[in-house]
Structure formats: structure tokens, C-alpha cells
PDB file of N, CA and C in Angstrom:
ATOM      1  N   MET A   1      17.620  -5.735  15.756  1.00  0.00           N
ATOM      2  CA  MET A   1      16.963  -5.211  14.592  1.00  0.00           C
ATOM      3  C   MET A   1      17.969  -5.485  13.493  1.00  0.00           C
ATOM      4  N   PRO A   2      17.553  -6.069  12.296  1.00  0.00           N
ATOM      5  CA  PRO A   2      18.426  -5.936  11.156  1.00  0.00           C
ATOM      6  C   PRO A   2      18.368  -4.725  10.673  1.00  0.00           C
ATOM      7  N   SER A   3      19.696  -4.400   9.702  1.00  0.00           N
ATOM      8  CA  SER A   3      19.906  -3.285   9.225  1.00  0.00           C
ATOM      9  C   SER A   3      19.300  -3.250   7.788  1.00  0.00           C
ATOM     10  N   LEU A   4      19.232  -2.049   7.377  1.00  0.00           N
ATOM     11  CA  LEU A   4      18.830  -1.816   5.862  1.00  0.00           C
ATOM     12  C   LEU A   4      19.581  -1.001   5.068  1.00  0.00           C
ATOM     13  N   ASN A   5      20.011  -1.382   3.903  1.00  0.00           N
ATOM     14  CA  ASN A   5      20.620  -0.382   2.969  1.00  0.00           C
ATOM     15  C   ASN A   5      19.781  -0.015   1.955  1.00  0.00           C
ATOM     16  N   VAL A   6      19.554   1.340   1.738  1.00  0.00           N
ATOM     17  CA  VAL A   6      18.704   1.821   0.655  1.00  0.00           C
ATOM     18  C   VAL A   6      19.746   2.916  -0.367  1.00  0.00           C
ATOM     19  N   SER A   7      19.375   2.592  -1.564  1.00  0.00           N
ATOM     20  CA  SER A   7      20.309   3.371  -2.346  1.00  0.00           C
ATOM     21  C   SER A   7      19.528   4.462  -2.861  1.00  0.00           C
ATOM     22  N   PHE A   8      20.038   5.737  -3.013  1.00  0.00           N
ATOM     23  CA  PHE A   8      19.455   7.002  -3.767  1.00  0.00           C
ATOM     24  C   PHE A   8      20.269   7.393  -4.727  1.00  0.00           C
ATOM     25  N   THR A   9      19.969   8.016  -5.605  1.00  0.00           N
ATOM     26  CA  THR A   9      20.797   8.858  -6.490  1.00  0.00           C
ATOM     27  C   THR A   9      21.212  10.066  -5.912  1.00  0.00           C
ATOM     28  N   ASP A  10      22.465  10.627  -6.375  1.00  0.00           N
ATOM     29  CA  ASP A  10      22.739  12.021  -5.561  1.00  0.00           C
ATOM     30  C   ASP A  10      21.702  13.218  -5.479  1.00  0.00           C
ATOM     31  N   GLU A  11      20.847  13.253  -6.608  1.00  0.00           N
ATOM     32  CA  GLU A  11      19.851  14.023  -6.647  1.00  0.00           C
ATOM     33  C   GLU A  11      18.713  13.588  -5.695  1.00  0.00           C
ATOM     34  N   GLU A  12      18.306  12.315  -5.640  1.00  0.00           N
ATOM     35  CA  GLU A  12      17.345  11.844  -4.766  1.00  0.00           C
ATOM     36  C   GLU A  12      17.664  12.036  -3.252  1.00  0.00           C
ATOM     37  N   LEU A  13      19.120  11.823  -3.090  1.00  0.00           N
ATOM     38  CA  LEU A  13      19.619  12.120  -1.615  1.00  0.00           C
ATOM     39  C   LEU A  13      19.494  13.577  -1.134  1.00  0.00           C
ATOM     40  N   GLU A  14      19.823  14.325  -1.987  1.00  0.00           N
ATOM     41  CA  GLU A  14      19.777  15.707  -1.763  1.00  0.00           C
ATOM     42  C   GLU A  14      18.389  16.147  -1.332  1.00  0.00           C
ATOM     43  N   GLY A  15      17.512  15.683  -2.039  1.00  0.00           N
ATOM     44  CA  GLY A  15      15.908  15.888  -1.910  1.00  0.00           C
ATOM     45  C   GLY A  15      15.696  15.437  -0.467  1.00  0.00           C
ATOM     46  N   VAL A  16      15.844  14.117  -0.193  1.00  0.00           N
ATOM     47  CA  VAL A  16      15.526  13.634   0.966  1.00  0.00           C
ATOM     48  C   VAL A  16      16.321  14.390   2.291  1.00  0.00           C
ATOM     49  N   ARG A  17      17.522  14.789   2.131  1.00  0.00           N
ATOM     50  CA  ARG A  17      18.108  15.337   3.130  1.00  0.00           C
ATOM     51  C   ARG A  17      17.476  16.835   3.205  1.00  0.00           C
ATOM     52  N   ALA A  18      17.141  17.348   2.234  1.00  0.00           N
ATOM     53  CA  ALA A  18      16.476  18.661   2.283  1.00  0.00           C
ATOM     54  C   ALA A  18      15.157  18.534   3.196  1.00  0.00           C
ATOM     55  N   ALA A  19      14.507  17.629   2.756  1.00  0.00           N
ATOM     56  CA  ALA A  19      12.992  17.174   3.385  1.00  0.00           C
ATOM     57  C   ALA A  19      13.185  16.891   4.858  1.00  0.00           C
ATOM     58  N   ALA A  20      14.217  16.300   5.272  1.00  0.00           N
ATOM     59  CA  ALA A  20      14.720  15.902   6.539  1.00  0.00           C
ATOM     60  C   ALA A  20      14.951  17.303   7.307  1.00  0.00           C
ATOM     61  N   ALA A  21      15.675  18.006   6.834  1.00  0.00           N
ATOM     62  CA  ALA A  21      16.233  19.168   7.498  1.00  0.00           C
ATOM     63  C   ALA A  21      15.077  20.368   7.501  1.00  0.00           C
ATOM     64  N   ALA A  22      14.074  20.238   6.692  1.00  0.00           N
ATOM     65  CA  ALA A  22      12.862  21.100   6.819  1.00  0.00           C
ATOM     66  C   ALA A  22      12.045  20.646   7.908  1.00  0.00           C
ATOM     67  N   GLU A  23      12.142  19.502   8.226  1.00  0.00           N
ATOM     68  CA  GLU A  23      11.154  18.851   9.384  1.00  0.00           C
ATOM     69  C   GLU A  23      12.058  18.912  10.645  1.00  0.00           C
ATOM     70  N   GLY A  24      13.482  19.280  10.803  1.00  0.00           N
ATOM     71  CA  GLY A  24      14.110  19.306  11.739  1.00  0.00           C
ATOM     72  C   GLY A  24      14.467  17.959  12.457  1.00  0.00           C
ATOM     73  N   LYS A  25      14.836  16.921  11.295  1.00  0.00           N
ATOM     74  CA  LYS A  25      15.136  15.630  11.869  1.00  0.00           C
ATOM     75  C   LYS A  25      16.353  15.169  11.161  1.00  0.00           C
ATOM     76  N   SER A  26      16.858  14.253  11.853  1.00  0.00           N
ATOM     77  CA  SER A  26      18.011  13.437  11.065  1.00  0.00           C
ATOM     78  C   SER A  26      17.487  12.692   9.954  1.00  0.00           C
ATOM     79  N   LEU A  27      18.402  12.523   9.068  1.00  0.00           N
ATOM     80  CA  LEU A  27      18.058  11.518   7.828  1.00  0.00           C
ATOM     81  C   LEU A  27      17.402  10.238   8.552  1.00  0.00           C
ATOM     82  N   LYS A  28      18.120   9.713   9.454  1.00  0.00           N
ATOM     83  CA  LYS A  28      17.602   8.486   9.809  1.00  0.00           C
ATOM     84  C   LYS A  28      16.183   8.425  10.312  1.00  0.00           C
ATOM     85  N   GLN A  29      15.966   9.642  11.202  1.00  0.00           N
ATOM     86  CA  GLN A  29      14.615   9.589  11.860  1.00  0.00           C
ATOM     87  C   GLN A  29      13.387   9.938  10.749  1.00  0.00           C
ATOM     88  N   TYR A  30      13.943  10.880   9.864  1.00  0.00           N
ATOM     89  CA  TYR A  30      12.886  11.244   8.753  1.00  0.00           C
ATOM     90  C   TYR A  30      12.542  10.030   7.922  1.00  0.00           C
ATOM     91  N   LEU A  31      13.483   9.003   7.510  1.00  0.00           N
ATOM     92  CA  LEU A  31      13.188   7.896   6.802  1.00  0.00           C
ATOM     93  C   LEU A  31      12.591   7.005   7.578  1.00  0.00           C
ATOM     94  N   HIS A  32      12.651   6.745   8.966  1.00  0.00           N
ATOM     95  CA  HIS A  32      11.788   5.977   9.769  1.00  0.00           C
ATOM     96  C   HIS A  32      10.368   6.421   9.859  1.00  0.00           C
ATOM     97  N   ASP A  33      10.272   7.751   9.957  1.00  0.00           N
ATOM     98  CA  ASP A  33       8.988   8.351  10.132  1.00  0.00           C
ATOM     99  C   ASP A  33       8.332   8.342   8.782  1.00  0.00           C
ATOM    100  N   LEU A  34       8.863   8.377   7.661  1.00  0.00           N
ATOM    101  CA  LEU A  34       8.094   8.391   6.351  1.00  0.00           C
ATOM    102  C   LEU A  34       7.613   7.037   6.220  1.00  0.00           C
ATOM    103  N   GLY A  35       8.349   5.921   6.724  1.00  0.00           N
ATOM    104  CA  GLY A  35       7.672   4.537   6.472  1.00  0.00           C
ATOM    105  C   GLY A  35       6.639   4.253   7.389  1.00  0.00           C
ATOM    106  N   VAL A  36       6.528   4.968   8.566  1.00  0.00           N
ATOM    107  CA  VAL A  36       5.615   4.921   9.399  1.00  0.00           C
ATOM    108  C   VAL A  36       4.280   5.468   9.069  1.00  0.00           C
ATOM    109  N   ARG A  37       4.693   6.643   8.345  1.00  0.00           N
ATOM    110  CA  ARG A  37       3.362   7.474   7.892  1.00  0.00           C
ATOM    111  C   ARG A  37       2.719   6.718   6.635  1.00  0.00           C
ATOM    112  N   GLU A  38       3.695   6.170   6.101  1.00  0.00           N
ATOM    113  CA  GLU A  38       2.980   5.438   4.656  1.00  0.00           C
ATOM    114  C   GLU A  38       2.132   4.253   5.249  1.00  0.00           C
ATOM    115  N   MET A  39       2.595   3.475   6.340  1.00  0.00           N
ATOM    116  CA  MET A  39       1.684   2.440   6.784  1.00  0.00           C
ATOM    117  C   MET A  39       0.499   2.894   7.218  1.00  0.00           C
ATOM    118  N   GLN A  40       0.661   4.168   7.922  1.00  0.00           N
ATOM    119  CA  GLN A  40      -0.572   4.685   8.695  1.00  0.00           C
ATOM    120  C   GLN A  40      -1.757   5.228   7.471  1.00  0.00           C
ATOM    121  N   ARG A  41      -0.938   5.687   6.479  1.00  0.00           N
ATOM    122  CA  ARG A  41      -1.762   6.337   5.394  1.00  0.00           C
ATOM    123  C   ARG A  41      -2.538   5.147   4.684  1.00  0.00           C
ATOM    124  N   LYS A  42      -1.907   3.838   4.579  1.00  0.00           N
ATOM    125  CA  LYS A  42      -2.403   2.875   3.943  1.00  0.00           C
ATOM    126  C   LYS A  42      -3.657   2.226   4.764  1.00  0.00           C
ATOM    127  N   GLU A  43      -3.407   2.106   6.068  1.00  0.00           N
ATOM    128  CA  GLU A  43      -4.508   1.740   7.048  1.00  0.00           C
ATOM    129  C   GLU A  43      -5.685   2.634   6.826  1.00  0.00           C
ATOM    130  N   PHE A  44      -5.376   3.911   6.933  1.00  0.00           N
ATOM    131  CA  PHE A  44      -6.508   4.923   6.706  1.00  0.00           C
ATOM    132  C   PHE A  44      -7.226   4.863   5.522  1.00  0.00           C
ATOM    133  N   VAL A  45      -6.575   4.706   4.409  1.00  0.00           N
ATOM    134  CA  VAL A  45      -7.309   4.487   3.029  1.00  0.00           C
ATOM    135  C   VAL A  45      -8.270   3.131   3.099  1.00  0.00           C
ATOM    136  N   ALA A  46      -7.580   2.181   3.566  1.00  0.00           N
ATOM    137  CA  ALA A  46      -8.409   0.916   3.586  1.00  0.00           C
ATOM    138  C   ALA A  46      -9.469   0.996   4.576  1.00  0.00           C
ATOM    139  N   GLY A  47      -9.400   1.794   5.616  1.00  0.00           N
ATOM    140  CA  GLY A  47     -10.819   1.862   6.717  1.00  0.00           C
ATOM    141  C   GLY A  47     -11.720   2.946   5.869  1.00  0.00           C
ATOM    142  N   ALA A  48     -11.261   3.944   5.146  1.00  0.00           N
ATOM    143  CA  ALA A  48     -12.191   4.996   4.545  1.00  0.00           C
ATOM    144  C   ALA A  48     -12.956   4.303   3.443  1.00  0.00           C
ATOM    145  N   THR A  49     -12.194   3.249   2.769  1.00  0.00           N
ATOM    146  CA  THR A  49     -12.729   2.814   1.680  1.00  0.00           C
ATOM    147  C   THR A  49     -13.877   1.686   1.947  1.00  0.00           C
ATOM    148  N   ALA A  50     -13.515   0.873   3.214  1.00  0.00           N
ATOM    149  CA  ALA A  50     -14.456  -0.031   3.878  1.00  0.00           C
ATOM    150  C   ALA A  50     -15.696   0.893   4.254  1.00  0.00           C
ATOM    151  N   TRP A  51     -15.556   1.928   5.017  1.00  0.00           N
ATOM    152  CA  TRP A  51     -16.634   2.667   5.430  1.00  0.00           C
ATOM    153  C   TRP A  51     -17.620   3.278   4.353  1.00  0.00           C
ATOM    154  N   ALA A  52     -16.765   3.798   3.096  1.00  0.00           N
ATOM    155  CA  ALA A  52     -17.517   4.263   1.888  1.00  0.00           C
ATOM    156  C   ALA A  52     -18.323   2.946   1.269  1.00  0.00           C
ATOM    157  N   ASP A  53     -17.615   1.795   1.352  1.00  0.00           N
ATOM    158  CA  ASP A  53     -18.390   0.769   0.840  1.00  0.00           C
ATOM    159  C   ASP A  53     -19.744   0.452   1.528  1.00  0.00           C
ATOM    160  N   ARG A  54     -19.536   0.605   2.921  1.00  0.00           N
ATOM    161  CA  ARG A  54     -20.767  -0.041   3.672  1.00  0.00           C
ATOM    162  C   ARG A  54     -21.783   1.066   3.437  1.00  0.00           C
ATOM    163  N   LEU A  55     -21.618   2.345   3.121  1.00  0.00           N
ATOM    164  CA  LEU A  55     -22.673   3.350   3.149  1.00  0.00           C
ATOM    165  C   LEU A  55     -23.036   3.640   1.717  1.00  0.00           C
ATOM    166  N   ARG A  56     -22.200   3.021   0.658  1.00  0.00           N
ATOM    167  CA  ARG A  56     -22.690   3.430  -0.670  1.00  0.00           C
ATOM    168  C   ARG A  56     -24.026   3.029  -1.114  1.00  0.00           C
ATOM    169  N   GLY A  57     -24.678   1.910  -0.729  1.00  0.00           N
ATOM    170  CA  GLY A  57     -25.942   1.644  -0.991  1.00  0.00           C
ATOM    171  C   GLY A  57     -26.915   2.648  -0.402  1.00  0.00           C
ATOM    172  N   GLU A  58     -26.689   2.906   0.797  1.00  0.00           N
ATOM    173  CA  GLU A  58     -27.712   3.950   1.340  1.00  0.00           C
ATOM    174  C   GLU A  58     -27.654   5.451   0.753  1.00  0.00           C
ATOM    175  N   PHE A  59     -26.307   5.649   0.294  1.00  0.00           N
ATOM    176  CA  PHE A  59     -26.042   6.945  -0.375  1.00  0.00           C
ATOM    177  C   PHE A  59     -26.857   7.058  -1.679  1.00  0.00           C
ATOM    178  N   ASP A  60     -26.771   5.809  -2.348  1.00  0.00           N
ATOM    179  CA  ASP A  60     -27.318   5.489  -3.830  1.00  0.00           C
ATOM    180  C   ASP A  60     -28.663   5.865  -3.582  1.00  0.00           C
ATOM    181  N   ASP A  61     -29.302   5.273  -2.560  1.00  0.00           N
ATOM    182  CA  ASP A  61     -30.719   5.199  -2.579  1.00  0.00           C
ATOM    183  C   ASP A  61     -31.340   6.617  -2.297  1.00  0.00           C
ATOM    184  N   ALA A  62     -30.506   7.216  -1.441  1.00  0.00           N
ATOM    185  CA  ALA A  62     -30.938   8.628  -0.904  1.00  0.00           C
ATOM    186  C   ALA A  62     -30.842   9.810  -2.187  1.00  0.00           C
ATOM    187  N   PHE A  63     -29.556   9.545  -2.772  1.00  0.00           N
ATOM    188  CA  PHE A  63     -29.271  10.570  -3.741  1.00  0.00           C
ATOM    189  C   PHE A  63     -29.159   9.740  -5.223  1.00  0.00           C
ATOM    190  N   PRO A  64     -30.395   9.345  -5.751  1.00  0.00           N
ATOM    191  CA  PRO A  64     -30.169   8.273  -7.132  1.00  0.00           C
ATOM    192  C   PRO A  64     -29.326   9.259  -8.127  1.00  0.00           C
ATOM    193  N   ASP A  65     -29.901  10.694  -8.115  1.00  0.00           N
ATOM    194  CA  ASP A  65     -29.200  11.442  -9.155  1.00  0.00           C
ATOM    195  C   ASP A  65     -27.801  11.612  -9.191  1.00  0.00           C
ATOM    196  N   GLU A  66     -27.206  11.148  -8.155  1.00  0.00           N
ATOM    197  CA  GLU A  66     -25.680  11.465  -7.904  1.00  0.00           C
ATOM    198  C   GLU A  66     -24.695   9.933  -8.305  1.00  0.00           C
ATOM    199  N   VAL A  67     -25.671   9.100  -8.525  1.00  0.00           N
ATOM    200  CA  VAL A  67     -24.865   7.680  -9.080  1.00  0.00           C
ATOM    201  C   VAL A  67     -24.320   7.807 -10.237  1.00  0.00           C
ATOM    202  N   PRO A  68     -23.124   7.635 -10.504  1.00  0.00           N
ATOM    203  CA  PRO A  68     -22.316   7.624 -11.674  1.00  0.00           C
ATOM    204  C   PRO A  68     -23.101   6.650 -12.670  1.00  0.00           C
ATOM    205  N   PRO A  69     -23.297   7.543 -13.974  1.00  0.00           N
ATOM    206  CA  PRO A  69     -23.863   6.474 -15.041  1.00  0.00           C
ATOM    207  C   PRO A  69     -23.619   4.998 -15.092  1.00  0.00           C
ATOM    208  N   SER A  70     -22.289   4.743 -14.877  1.00  0.00           N
ATOM    209  CA  SER A  70     -21.666   3.540 -15.164  1.00  0.00           C
ATOM    210  C   SER A  70     -21.973   2.523 -14.007  1.00  0.00           C
ATOM    211  N   GLU A  71     -22.451   3.107 -12.870  1.00  0.00           N
ATOM    212  CA  GLU A  71     -22.574   2.536 -11.591  1.00  0.00           C
ATOM    213  C   GLU A  71     -24.154   2.103 -11.310  1.00  0.00           C
ATOM    214  N   ARG A  72     -25.152   2.842 -12.234  1.00  0.00           N
ATOM    215  CA  ARG A  72     -26.427   2.813 -11.812  1.00  0.00           C
ATOM    216  C   ARG A  72     -27.067   1.263 -12.011  1.00  0.00           C
ATOM    217  N   ARG A  73     -28.033   1.082 -11.175  1.00  0.00           N
ATOM    218  CA  ARG A  73     -28.515  -0.253 -11.240  1.00  0.00           C
ATOM    219  C   ARG A  73     -29.997  -0.063 -12.145  1.00  0.00           C
ATOM    220  N   ASP A  74     -30.234  -1.227 -12.880  1.00  0.00           N
ATOM    221  CA  ASP A  74     -31.412  -1.336 -13.425  1.00  0.00           C
ATOM    222  C   ASP A  74     -31.533  -0.348 -14.600  1.00  0.00           C
ATOM    223  N   GLY A  75     -30.747   0.249 -15.208  1.00  0.00           N
ATOM    224  CA  GLY A  75     -30.625   1.104 -16.098  1.00  0.00           C
ATOM    225  C   GLY A  75     -31.532   2.466 -15.968  1.00  0.00           C
ATOM    226  N   VAL A  76     -31.438   2.925 -14.523  1.00  0.00           N
ATOM    227  CA  VAL A  76     -32.054   4.051 -13.921  1.00  0.00           C
ATOM    228  C   VAL A  76     -31.128   5.372 -14.350  1.00  0.00           C
ATOM    229  N   ALA A  77     -31.994   6.120 -15.139  1.00  0.00           N
ATOM    230  CA  ALA A  77     -31.078   7.642 -15.726  1.00  0.00           C
ATOM    231  C   ALA A  77     -31.374   8.504 -14.781  1.00  0.00           C
ATOM    232  N   ALA A  78     -30.458   9.427 -14.682  1.00  0.00           N
ATOM    233  CA  ALA A  78     -30.459  10.645 -13.957  1.00  0.00           C
ATOM    234  C   ALA A  78     -31.571  11.536 -14.551  1.00  0.00           C
ATOM    235  N   ALA A  79     -31.906  12.299 -13.575  1.00  0.00           N
ATOM    236  CA  ALA A  79     -33.102  13.340 -14.034  1.00  0.00           C
ATOM    237  C   ALA A  79     -32.512  14.720 -14.593  1.00  0.00           C
TER     238      ALA A  79
END
């Protein structure tokens, strides 16, 4: 596995070390977990966005007064 060098300012490194200590982890483990959590967060957001996009039309039809004015179809105005 290739190694990776990451640079932090002294202040940034102090904050990262404090965050790692607060979770009871080594700096190495904390940084690893942080990267994994970010990948999982991005996957979750992409899935949630796709789910919302699939349901948007159904929601808009069921709740026409809730559609933001900039996104209303055919000039429909809210009551």
C-alpha cells in the first residue's frame, strides 16, 4: 500500500490530534476513519438525492402548494 504525506499547519494538527483523542483513536486511525466516513457520506447524499429526484413529481402532484415558485410548472400559483 502506498504511503501518503499530508501537511497541516501547527494549529490544524493540534485540532486534528484533539479530535482523535476525543474519539480515543490514534491520529493514523482517526484520519483513516475520517476518509472512510467522507466516502460513505458522499454515497449517502448521492443515494438520497436520487431517491428524492424519483419522488419529486409524485410529491409535487400531491402537494402543489409546496412546490417552490421557481420550480412550478405551467405558471401554477400557490393558493
